[in-house]
Amino acid sequence: MNSLQLRLVAGLVVSLLALFALLALLAAPAIRNLAENNMASRLQHDSETLLALLQVSGDGDIKLDRSAVSQVYTRPYSGHYFQIQSDVKQITSRSLWDSRLSVPGQVQASDVLHATGPLDQPLLMAVHDYRKNSIPVQVIVAEDLTALESDIQQFKQRFALIAGMLLIILVVIQVLIIRGGLQPLKRLRQELRQLESGELVRLSEKAPAEIQPMILEINRLIDVLGKRLQRSRNALGDLAHALKRPLTVLTRLSEETEVEKVPGLQNSLQRQLQSMRTTTDHILKRARLAGESPVGPGYDVVSEINSLVDTLQKMYPQRNRKIETDIGAGLRSPLDREDFLELLGNLLDNAFKWATGTIRLVVRGDDSVLRIRVEDDGPGIAEDMLATLRRRGSRADEQVDGHGLGLAIVHDITDLYGGSLELGRSETLGGLAVEVVLNIHEKRISSTLTP
């Protein structure tokens, strides 16, 4: 059971069930005891009344004035019975008919007990020992408990019905209270989704005291991660700048006359320098990738692509390329901006180098993926070289400027976002077609139009 609300509700239901069960166990015996005490008090009153109507002679003979006896004792098997006895005589109520009340042995002088009467009726029996005119007399008065048992049974049924209704009402009320109490957690979850999608940059710190420390820690972590990423990128930029000058100096030294006199040394030195540049560029580019960790407001894809295309056209002024773009209007991406520009820049840079006249760019996004497809009308790639191009440092033509790291960097970024990279031939333009699919968590891509 992973739901906190379900745990609270389940605990509440179990507690209420235990409470009502305990009440049922205690209430019924308490009511029975109260009713029997009231009945015993009435039986004692009847016993004293019968004693007052009793006449006792000196020899132990007893007589009862039945004209003053209550009518309930005259109807056969009415459920109200008495039995009076002395050492020499016994008087019974007409309601007993031919039956007798059986008194267990070792009864105290004034005792109330349960017994079985005529017709197997359950009886509450009061036994009292008196002395009248110095003659010992025992008066036994009993009353049928059947009506009381029926009333108690009805009480149990009504109690169960009322308790069930109260349980349902209390559970509903408590569920509403729990939902209200958990509302700050629901708002926190919504803010986390907005934070992930880029709609927020920080969580609201107005929250109950129980969860406010967690929110403060999350905000602090966001700040730390942002600063750490920026420091890493700044450090990598400094490192790249620091390595550029020594590599340039070494390259010039490899072109000195003294080095040219030793062709083997010059070739070996130039190969190592080229390997150093290639490895350094790849490591620096890959280290700058942020992946899915940064959060912040999304950016407009169209404006970023337009800016990137303008930059590439200035880099290749001698190559008049026609750029056809198909981008969903209003498309915003929560991907790290540097990652997005690095990926798209490598794809478009490769297309600019190889295309003869036309480049086509298609970008589509939905709630789960971002698709980028770049096609050109260049010579394309042979099938046996498609897999080779995915490897680091591989190049289709050594005469084209660049280190051959473009598609390798694209592959690294694709891996960071759990996506896929497909290379093939463009069916419409005839050149290379590269399609990148990046998996995005729910609501990390938003667009005003349905792709």
Protein backbone atom coordinates (compact mmCIF):
# COMPACT_ATOMS: atom_id res chain seq x y z
CA MET A 1 0.00 0.00 0.00
CA ASN A 2 2.03 2.95 -1.32
CA SER A 3 -0.65 5.62 -0.97
CA LEU A 4 -0.35 7.70 2.18
CA GLN A 5 -4.04 8.58 1.97
CA LEU A 6 -5.02 4.90 1.71
CA ARG A 7 -2.85 4.09 4.71
CA LEU A 8 -4.48 6.80 6.80
CA VAL A 9 -7.99 5.79 5.72
CA ALA A 10 -7.26 2.11 6.32
CA GLY A 11 -5.87 2.87 9.77
CA LEU A 12 -8.92 4.99 10.55
CA VAL A 13 -11.36 2.29 9.40
CA VAL A 14 -9.58 -0.37 11.45
CA SER A 15 -9.57 1.91 14.51
CA LEU A 16 -13.27 2.73 14.16
CA LEU A 17 -14.17 -0.93 13.65
CA ALA A 18 -12.23 -1.84 16.78
CA LEU A 19 -13.94 0.98 18.68
CA PHE A 20 -17.46 -0.02 17.60
CA ALA A 21 -16.74 -3.68 18.31
CA LEU A 22 -15.55 -2.76 21.80
CA LEU A 23 -18.66 -0.65 22.33
CA ALA A 24 -20.85 -3.53 21.18
CA LEU A 25 -19.09 -5.92 23.55
CA LEU A 26 -19.50 -3.53 26.49
CA ALA A 27 -22.88 -1.97 25.74
CA ALA A 28 -25.02 -5.12 25.50
CA PRO A 29 -23.86 -6.62 28.84
CA ALA A 30 -24.17 -3.21 30.50
CA ILE A 31 -27.76 -2.78 29.29
CA ARG A 32 -28.59 -6.36 30.29
CA ASN A 33 -27.15 -5.79 33.75
CA LEU A 34 -29.07 -2.53 34.12
CA ALA A 35 -32.35 -4.15 33.03
CA GLU A 36 -31.87 -7.16 35.31
CA ASN A 37 -31.06 -4.91 38.29
CA ASN A 38 -34.25 -2.98 37.62
CA MET A 39 -36.18 -6.27 37.35
CA ALA A 40 -34.57 -7.57 40.55
CA SER A 41 -35.65 -4.40 42.35
CA ARG A 42 -39.21 -4.96 41.15
CA LEU A 43 -39.11 -8.61 42.23
CA GLN A 44 -37.97 -7.57 45.68
CA HIS A 45 -40.85 -5.14 45.91
CA ASP A 46 -43.29 -7.92 44.91
CA SER A 47 -41.67 -10.22 47.44
CA GLU A 48 -42.19 -7.72 50.22
CA THR A 49 -45.80 -7.18 49.09
CA LEU A 50 -46.45 -10.93 49.21
CA LEU A 51 -44.86 -11.08 52.66
CA ALA A 52 -47.23 -8.37 53.83
CA LEU A 53 -50.24 -10.36 52.51
CA LEU A 54 -49.03 -13.53 54.21
CA GLN A 55 -50.55 -14.78 57.43
CA VAL A 56 -48.44 -17.14 59.58
CA SER A 57 -49.80 -19.16 62.49
CA GLY A 58 -47.83 -20.30 65.46
CA ASP A 59 -47.50 -23.86 64.16
CA GLY A 60 -45.93 -22.70 60.86
CA ASP A 61 -49.09 -22.80 58.80
CA ILE A 62 -49.23 -20.00 56.20
CA LYS A 63 -52.14 -18.42 54.36
CA LEU A 64 -52.11 -15.80 51.54
CA ASP A 65 -54.77 -13.23 50.80
CA ARG A 66 -54.93 -13.82 47.03
CA SER A 67 -57.52 -11.09 46.49
CA ALA A 68 -54.81 -8.48 46.86
CA VAL A 69 -52.28 -10.28 44.65
CA SER A 70 -51.49 -8.67 41.26
CA GLN A 71 -53.36 -10.10 38.27
CA VAL A 72 -50.11 -11.01 36.49
CA TYR A 73 -49.65 -13.82 39.00
CA THR A 74 -53.07 -15.32 38.26
CA ARG A 75 -52.83 -15.90 34.49
CA PRO A 76 -51.37 -19.32 33.65
CA TYR A 77 -47.80 -19.15 32.42
CA SER A 78 -47.91 -15.37 32.37
CA GLY A 79 -44.18 -15.16 32.96
CA HIS A 80 -44.64 -13.81 36.49
CA TYR A 81 -44.45 -16.42 39.25
CA PHE A 82 -44.09 -16.69 43.01
CA GLN A 83 -43.68 -19.50 45.47
CA ILE A 84 -43.92 -19.14 49.25
CA GLN A 85 -42.94 -21.92 51.58
CA SER A 86 -42.45 -22.60 55.23
CA ASP A 87 -41.41 -25.72 57.02
CA VAL A 88 -44.94 -27.14 56.84
CA LYS A 89 -46.61 -25.60 53.80
CA GLN A 90 -45.99 -24.26 50.27
CA ILE A 91 -48.07 -21.69 48.34
CA THR A 92 -47.63 -21.09 44.61
CA SER A 93 -49.07 -18.56 42.19
CA ARG A 94 -51.84 -19.64 39.86
CA SER A 95 -49.61 -18.66 36.95
CA LEU A 96 -47.41 -21.65 37.73
CA TRP A 97 -50.39 -23.91 37.23
CA ASP A 98 -49.15 -27.37 38.28
CA SER A 99 -45.45 -26.47 38.03
CA ARG A 100 -43.03 -25.57 40.75
CA LEU A 101 -40.05 -23.26 40.90
CA SER A 102 -36.83 -25.18 41.32
CA VAL A 103 -34.31 -23.49 43.58
CA PRO A 104 -30.66 -24.59 43.38
CA GLY A 105 -28.97 -25.60 46.58
CA GLN A 106 -26.79 -23.32 48.64
CA VAL A 107 -28.90 -20.25 47.93
CA GLN A 108 -28.14 -17.25 50.11
CA ALA A 109 -30.76 -15.58 52.26
CA SER A 110 -31.29 -12.92 49.61
CA ASP A 111 -30.18 -14.00 46.17
CA VAL A 112 -30.95 -13.19 42.52
CA LEU A 113 -30.22 -15.90 40.00
CA HIS A 114 -31.13 -17.26 36.59
CA ALA A 115 -33.31 -20.34 36.29
CA THR A 116 -35.58 -22.20 33.92
CA GLY A 117 -39.31 -21.96 34.49
CA PRO A 118 -42.44 -23.54 33.06
CA LEU A 119 -42.39 -24.06 29.29
CA ASP A 120 -38.59 -23.74 29.51
CA GLN A 121 -38.84 -19.99 29.95
CA PRO A 122 -35.65 -18.24 31.02
CA LEU A 123 -36.34 -16.67 34.42
CA LEU A 124 -34.75 -14.13 36.68
CA MET A 125 -35.44 -15.47 40.17
CA ALA A 126 -35.22 -13.57 43.45
CA VAL A 127 -35.02 -15.71 46.60
CA HIS A 128 -35.59 -13.99 49.95
CA ASP A 129 -35.66 -15.57 53.42
CA TYR A 130 -37.80 -13.83 56.01
CA ARG A 131 -39.02 -14.46 59.54
CA LYS A 132 -42.61 -13.59 60.29
CA ASN A 133 -44.00 -14.14 63.73
CA SER A 134 -40.67 -15.87 64.43
CA ILE A 135 -41.48 -18.44 61.73
CA PRO A 136 -38.94 -18.78 58.88
CA VAL A 137 -40.55 -18.14 55.50
CA GLN A 138 -38.95 -18.24 52.05
CA VAL A 139 -40.45 -16.11 49.27
CA ILE A 140 -39.40 -16.83 45.67
CA VAL A 141 -40.47 -14.43 42.93
CA ALA A 142 -39.52 -14.93 39.28
CA GLU A 143 -40.08 -13.11 35.99
CA ASP A 144 -39.72 -14.30 32.40
CA LEU A 145 -36.64 -12.89 30.61
CA THR A 146 -37.90 -13.64 27.09
CA ALA A 147 -39.12 -10.08 26.46
CA LEU A 148 -35.88 -8.68 27.82
CA GLU A 149 -33.82 -10.97 25.58
CA SER A 150 -35.89 -9.85 22.59
CA ASP A 151 -35.35 -6.19 23.47
CA ILE A 152 -31.61 -6.72 23.85
CA GLN A 153 -31.45 -8.52 20.50
CA GLN A 154 -33.30 -5.62 18.84
CA PHE A 155 -30.89 -3.23 20.51
CA LYS A 156 -27.93 -5.13 19.09
CA GLN A 157 -29.40 -5.02 15.59
CA ARG A 158 -30.19 -1.32 15.82
CA PHE A 159 -26.79 -0.62 17.31
CA ALA A 160 -25.11 -2.48 14.45
CA LEU A 161 -27.16 -0.55 11.88
CA ILE A 162 -26.53 2.82 13.50
CA ALA A 163 -22.88 1.99 14.07
CA GLY A 164 -22.49 1.02 10.40
CA MET A 165 -24.08 4.26 9.26
CA LEU A 166 -21.94 6.27 11.67
CA LEU A 167 -18.86 4.40 10.49
CA ILE A 168 -19.58 5.29 6.87
CA ILE A 169 -20.27 8.94 7.76
CA LEU A 170 -17.13 9.18 9.89
CA VAL A 171 -14.99 7.56 7.19
CA VAL A 172 -16.34 9.97 4.56
CA ILE A 173 -15.72 12.95 6.86
CA GLN A 174 -12.23 11.74 7.70
CA VAL A 175 -11.42 11.09 4.03
CA LEU A 176 -12.39 14.68 3.28
CA ILE A 177 -10.28 15.89 6.21
CA ILE A 178 -7.32 13.76 5.11
CA ARG A 179 -7.62 15.01 1.54
CA GLY A 180 -7.64 18.55 2.82
CA GLY A 181 -4.65 17.81 5.02
CA LEU A 182 -2.76 16.25 2.10
CA GLN A 183 -3.60 19.11 -0.26
CA PRO A 184 -0.20 20.76 0.28
CA LEU A 185 1.46 17.54 -0.91
CA LYS A 186 -0.75 17.55 -4.01
CA ARG A 187 0.26 21.16 -4.72
CA LEU A 188 3.88 20.18 -4.18
CA ARG A 189 3.54 17.38 -6.72
CA GLN A 190 2.01 19.80 -9.24
CA GLU A 191 4.82 22.28 -8.65
CA LEU A 192 7.39 19.53 -9.15
CA ARG A 193 5.80 18.72 -12.51
CA GLN A 194 5.83 22.42 -13.41
CA LEU A 195 9.44 22.56 -12.27
CA GLU A 196 10.30 19.61 -14.49
CA SER A 197 8.46 21.07 -17.49
CA GLY A 198 10.16 24.43 -17.04
CA GLU A 199 7.12 26.43 -15.93
CA LEU A 200 8.77 27.10 -12.55
CA VAL A 201 12.36 27.63 -11.52
CA ARG A 202 11.79 27.15 -7.79
CA LEU A 203 9.20 25.60 -5.50
CA SER A 204 6.93 27.80 -3.43
CA GLU A 205 8.16 27.87 0.16
CA LYS A 206 4.73 28.70 1.57
CA ALA A 207 3.87 25.29 2.95
CA PRO A 208 3.04 23.55 6.26
CA ALA A 209 5.87 23.23 8.72
CA GLU A 210 6.01 19.44 8.20
CA ILE A 211 7.01 19.65 4.52
CA GLN A 212 8.64 23.07 4.38
CA PRO A 213 12.13 21.69 5.25
CA MET A 214 11.88 19.29 2.31
CA ILE A 215 10.90 22.12 -0.05
CA LEU A 216 13.79 24.24 1.22
CA GLU A 217 16.20 21.36 0.60
CA ILE A 218 14.87 20.82 -2.94
CA ASN A 219 15.28 24.52 -3.74
CA ARG A 220 18.76 24.46 -2.29
CA LEU A 221 19.60 21.41 -4.39
CA ILE A 222 18.32 23.16 -7.52
CA ASP A 223 20.59 26.10 -6.79
CA VAL A 224 23.56 23.84 -6.11
CA LEU A 225 23.07 21.82 -9.29
CA GLY A 226 22.67 24.96 -11.39
CA LYS A 227 25.79 26.54 -9.96
CA ARG A 228 27.73 23.27 -10.27
CA LEU A 229 26.77 22.88 -13.93
CA GLN A 230 27.70 26.48 -14.68
CA ARG A 231 31.04 26.09 -12.90
CA SER A 232 31.75 22.92 -14.85
CA ARG A 233 31.03 24.60 -18.15
CA ASN A 234 33.12 27.62 -17.20
CA ALA A 235 35.98 25.35 -16.14
CA LEU A 236 35.75 23.40 -19.39
CA GLY A 237 35.81 26.63 -21.36
CA ASP A 238 38.90 27.73 -19.47
CA LEU A 239 40.51 24.35 -20.08
CA ALA A 240 39.75 24.49 -23.79
CA HIS A 241 41.24 27.98 -24.00
CA ALA A 242 44.31 26.87 -22.02
CA LEU A 243 44.92 23.87 -24.29
CA LYS A 244 44.44 25.80 -27.51
CA ARG A 245 47.65 27.81 -27.25
CA PRO A 246 50.04 24.90 -26.48
CA LEU A 247 48.53 22.85 -29.30
CA THR A 248 48.96 25.79 -31.70
CA VAL A 249 52.59 26.23 -30.63
CA LEU A 250 53.30 22.53 -31.06
CA THR A 251 51.64 22.58 -34.49
CA ARG A 252 53.88 25.45 -35.62
CA LEU A 253 56.94 23.69 -34.25
CA SER A 254 56.04 20.61 -36.27
CA GLU A 255 56.16 22.81 -39.39
CA GLU A 256 59.67 24.20 -38.62
CA THR A 257 62.45 23.55 -41.11
CA GLU A 258 64.45 21.51 -38.66
CA VAL A 259 61.49 19.16 -38.12
CA GLU A 260 60.77 18.92 -41.86
CA LYS A 261 64.24 17.53 -42.31
CA VAL A 262 63.08 14.48 -40.35
CA PRO A 263 59.86 13.43 -42.21
CA GLY A 264 59.19 10.47 -39.96
CA LEU A 265 59.34 12.62 -36.84
CA GLN A 266 57.18 15.34 -38.42
CA ASN A 267 54.46 12.87 -39.51
CA SER A 268 54.42 11.17 -36.12
CA LEU A 269 54.23 14.53 -34.33
CA GLN A 270 51.41 15.79 -36.53
CA ARG A 271 49.44 12.59 -36.09
CA GLN A 272 49.74 12.82 -32.31
CA LEU A 273 48.75 16.49 -32.33
CA GLN A 274 45.73 15.70 -34.49
CA SER A 275 44.79 12.87 -32.13
CA MET A 276 45.13 15.23 -29.16
CA ARG A 277 42.85 17.81 -30.80
CA THR A 278 40.28 15.18 -31.71
CA THR A 279 40.23 13.59 -28.27
CA THR A 280 40.24 16.93 -26.44
CA ASP A 281 37.41 18.34 -28.54
CA HIS A 282 35.29 15.27 -28.03
CA ILE A 283 35.87 15.08 -24.29
CA LEU A 284 35.19 18.78 -23.82
CA LYS A 285 32.01 18.67 -25.88
CA ARG A 286 30.74 15.58 -24.13
CA ALA A 287 31.56 16.94 -20.69
CA ARG A 288 29.52 20.06 -21.42
CA LEU A 289 26.37 17.99 -21.96
CA ALA A 290 23.85 18.46 -19.16
CA GLY A 291 21.41 15.67 -19.93
CA GLU A 292 18.03 15.64 -18.16
CA SER A 293 19.15 17.13 -14.87
CA PRO A 294 18.74 20.91 -15.35
CA VAL A 295 15.36 22.48 -14.79
CA GLY A 296 14.12 25.90 -15.78
CA PRO A 297 11.83 27.68 -18.20
CA GLY A 298 11.64 26.12 -21.64
CA TYR A 299 12.76 28.04 -24.70
CA ASP A 300 11.19 28.70 -28.07
CA VAL A 301 12.54 26.16 -30.54
CA VAL A 302 11.84 28.28 -33.64
CA SER A 303 13.86 31.28 -32.45
CA GLU A 304 16.80 29.10 -31.38
CA ILE A 305 16.85 27.30 -34.74
CA ASN A 306 16.64 30.58 -36.69
CA SER A 307 19.58 31.96 -34.72
CA LEU A 308 21.58 28.76 -35.31
CA VAL A 309 20.85 28.77 -39.05
CA ASP A 310 21.96 32.41 -39.34
CA THR A 311 25.22 31.55 -37.59
CA LEU A 312 25.92 28.62 -39.95
CA GLN A 313 25.17 30.69 -43.04
CA LYS A 314 27.73 33.23 -41.85
CA MET A 315 30.23 30.42 -41.25
CA TYR A 316 29.74 29.09 -44.79
CA PRO A 317 29.14 32.27 -46.86
CA GLN A 318 30.54 30.66 -50.00
CA ARG A 319 27.90 27.92 -49.92
CA ASN A 320 24.45 29.20 -50.80
CA ARG A 321 22.18 26.69 -49.11
CA LYS A 322 18.41 26.69 -49.10
CA ILE A 323 17.05 25.74 -45.68
CA GLU A 324 13.55 24.24 -45.55
CA THR A 325 12.20 24.11 -41.99
CA ASP A 326 9.09 22.40 -40.69
CA ILE A 327 8.73 23.20 -37.01
CA GLY A 328 5.56 23.10 -34.92
CA ALA A 329 4.45 26.64 -34.10
CA GLY A 330 4.80 27.45 -30.43
CA LEU A 331 6.98 24.40 -29.79
CA ARG A 332 8.94 24.78 -26.56
CA SER A 333 11.59 22.38 -25.35
CA PRO A 334 12.66 21.75 -21.73
CA LEU A 335 15.90 20.12 -22.90
CA ASP A 336 19.03 21.80 -21.73
CA ARG A 337 19.59 24.63 -24.21
CA GLU A 338 23.29 23.88 -24.64
CA ASP A 339 22.54 20.21 -25.31
CA PHE A 340 19.87 21.10 -27.86
CA LEU A 341 22.10 23.56 -29.71
CA GLU A 342 25.06 21.16 -29.60
CA LEU A 343 22.98 18.35 -31.10
CA LEU A 344 21.22 20.43 -33.75
CA GLY A 345 24.38 22.40 -34.53
CA ASN A 346 26.33 19.22 -35.34
CA LEU A 347 23.53 17.89 -37.55
CA LEU A 348 23.15 21.15 -39.48
CA ASP A 349 26.90 21.69 -39.69
CA ASN A 350 27.28 18.28 -41.29
CA ALA A 351 24.44 19.08 -43.71
CA PHE A 352 26.04 22.42 -44.67
CA LYS A 353 29.31 20.65 -45.49
CA TRP A 354 27.78 17.99 -47.70
CA ALA A 355 24.63 19.52 -49.22
CA THR A 356 24.80 20.93 -52.73
CA GLY A 357 21.75 23.15 -52.54
CA THR A 358 18.97 22.12 -50.15
CA ILE A 359 18.72 21.19 -46.49
CA ARG A 360 15.48 20.17 -44.81
CA LEU A 361 14.92 20.37 -41.05
CA VAL A 362 11.85 18.88 -39.34
CA VAL A 363 11.26 19.20 -35.59
CA ARG A 364 8.21 17.70 -33.90
CA GLY A 365 7.37 17.18 -30.24
CA ASP A 366 4.64 15.70 -28.08
CA ASP A 367 4.25 14.69 -24.44
CA SER A 368 6.75 11.86 -24.67
CA VAL A 369 9.35 12.47 -27.41
CA LEU A 370 11.14 15.17 -29.38
CA ARG A 371 11.91 14.24 -33.01
CA ILE A 372 14.56 15.99 -35.10
CA ARG A 373 15.15 15.05 -38.72
CA VAL A 374 17.80 16.64 -40.95
CA GLU A 375 18.09 15.78 -44.66
CA ASP A 376 20.34 17.12 -47.42
CA ASP A 377 20.79 16.67 -51.17
CA GLY A 378 24.44 15.73 -50.92
CA PRO A 379 26.03 12.50 -52.14
CA GLY A 380 24.74 10.52 -49.19
CA ILE A 381 26.49 7.67 -47.43
CA ALA A 382 27.04 4.09 -48.52
CA GLU A 383 25.19 1.48 -46.45
CA ASP A 384 28.42 -0.08 -45.17
CA MET A 385 29.55 3.29 -43.78
CA LEU A 386 26.41 4.15 -41.82
CA ALA A 387 27.50 2.13 -38.79
CA THR A 388 31.05 3.48 -39.12
CA LEU A 389 29.84 7.09 -38.90
CA ARG A 390 28.45 6.48 -35.44
CA ARG A 391 31.92 5.74 -34.09
CA ARG A 392 33.95 8.49 -32.52
CA GLY A 393 36.26 10.36 -34.87
CA SER A 394 35.11 8.66 -38.06
CA ARG A 395 34.73 10.78 -41.20
CA ALA A 396 33.23 10.21 -44.62
CA ASP A 397 35.73 12.41 -46.44
CA GLU A 398 39.08 13.44 -45.03
CA GLN A 399 39.08 16.48 -47.36
CA VAL A 400 36.12 18.04 -45.53
CA ASP A 401 37.05 20.32 -42.62
CA GLY A 402 36.23 19.05 -39.15
CA HIS A 403 37.24 16.32 -36.73
CA GLY A 404 34.54 13.83 -37.62
CA LEU A 405 33.06 14.10 -34.12
CA GLY A 406 29.69 15.56 -35.10
CA LEU A 407 27.64 12.40 -35.26
CA ALA A 408 29.50 10.89 -32.30
CA ILE A 409 28.52 13.91 -30.18
CA VAL A 410 24.94 13.57 -31.46
CA HIS A 411 25.03 9.91 -30.45
CA ASP A 412 26.28 10.83 -26.95
CA ILE A 413 23.50 13.39 -26.46
CA THR A 414 20.94 10.89 -27.69
CA ASP A 415 22.19 8.37 -25.12
CA LEU A 416 21.92 10.97 -22.35
CA TYR A 417 18.22 11.41 -23.10
CA GLY A 418 17.51 7.72 -23.65
CA GLY A 419 16.73 8.24 -27.33
CA SER A 420 17.70 6.75 -30.68
CA LEU A 421 19.74 7.80 -33.71
CA GLU A 422 18.89 6.61 -37.21
CA LEU A 423 20.99 7.18 -40.34
CA GLY A 424 19.74 6.57 -43.85
CA ARG A 425 19.14 8.07 -47.28
CA SER A 426 16.63 10.85 -47.87
CA GLU A 427 13.84 9.64 -50.11
CA THR A 428 13.10 13.14 -51.43
CA LEU A 429 16.50 14.87 -51.48
CA GLY A 430 18.69 11.85 -52.06
CA GLY A 431 21.39 12.69 -49.55
CA LEU A 432 21.96 11.73 -45.93
CA ALA A 433 18.96 11.64 -43.60
CA VAL A 434 19.55 11.71 -39.86
CA GLU A 435 16.67 11.28 -37.43
CA VAL A 436 17.06 11.72 -33.69
CA VAL A 437 14.33 10.74 -31.23
CA LEU A 438 14.76 11.95 -27.64
CA ASN A 439 12.58 10.45 -24.93
CA ILE A 440 11.04 13.13 -22.75
CA HIS A 441 9.17 12.62 -19.50
CA GLU A 442 5.48 13.45 -19.38
CA LYS A 443 4.73 17.15 -20.03
CA ARG A 444 8.34 18.04 -20.78
CA ILE A 445 7.43 19.09 -24.32
CA SER A 446 4.65 21.63 -24.81
CA SER A 447 3.21 22.94 -28.05
CA THR A 448 0.23 25.04 -29.00
CA LEU A 449 -0.34 22.81 -32.02
CA THR A 450 -0.76 19.06 -32.18
CA PRO A 451 2.30 17.68 -33.96
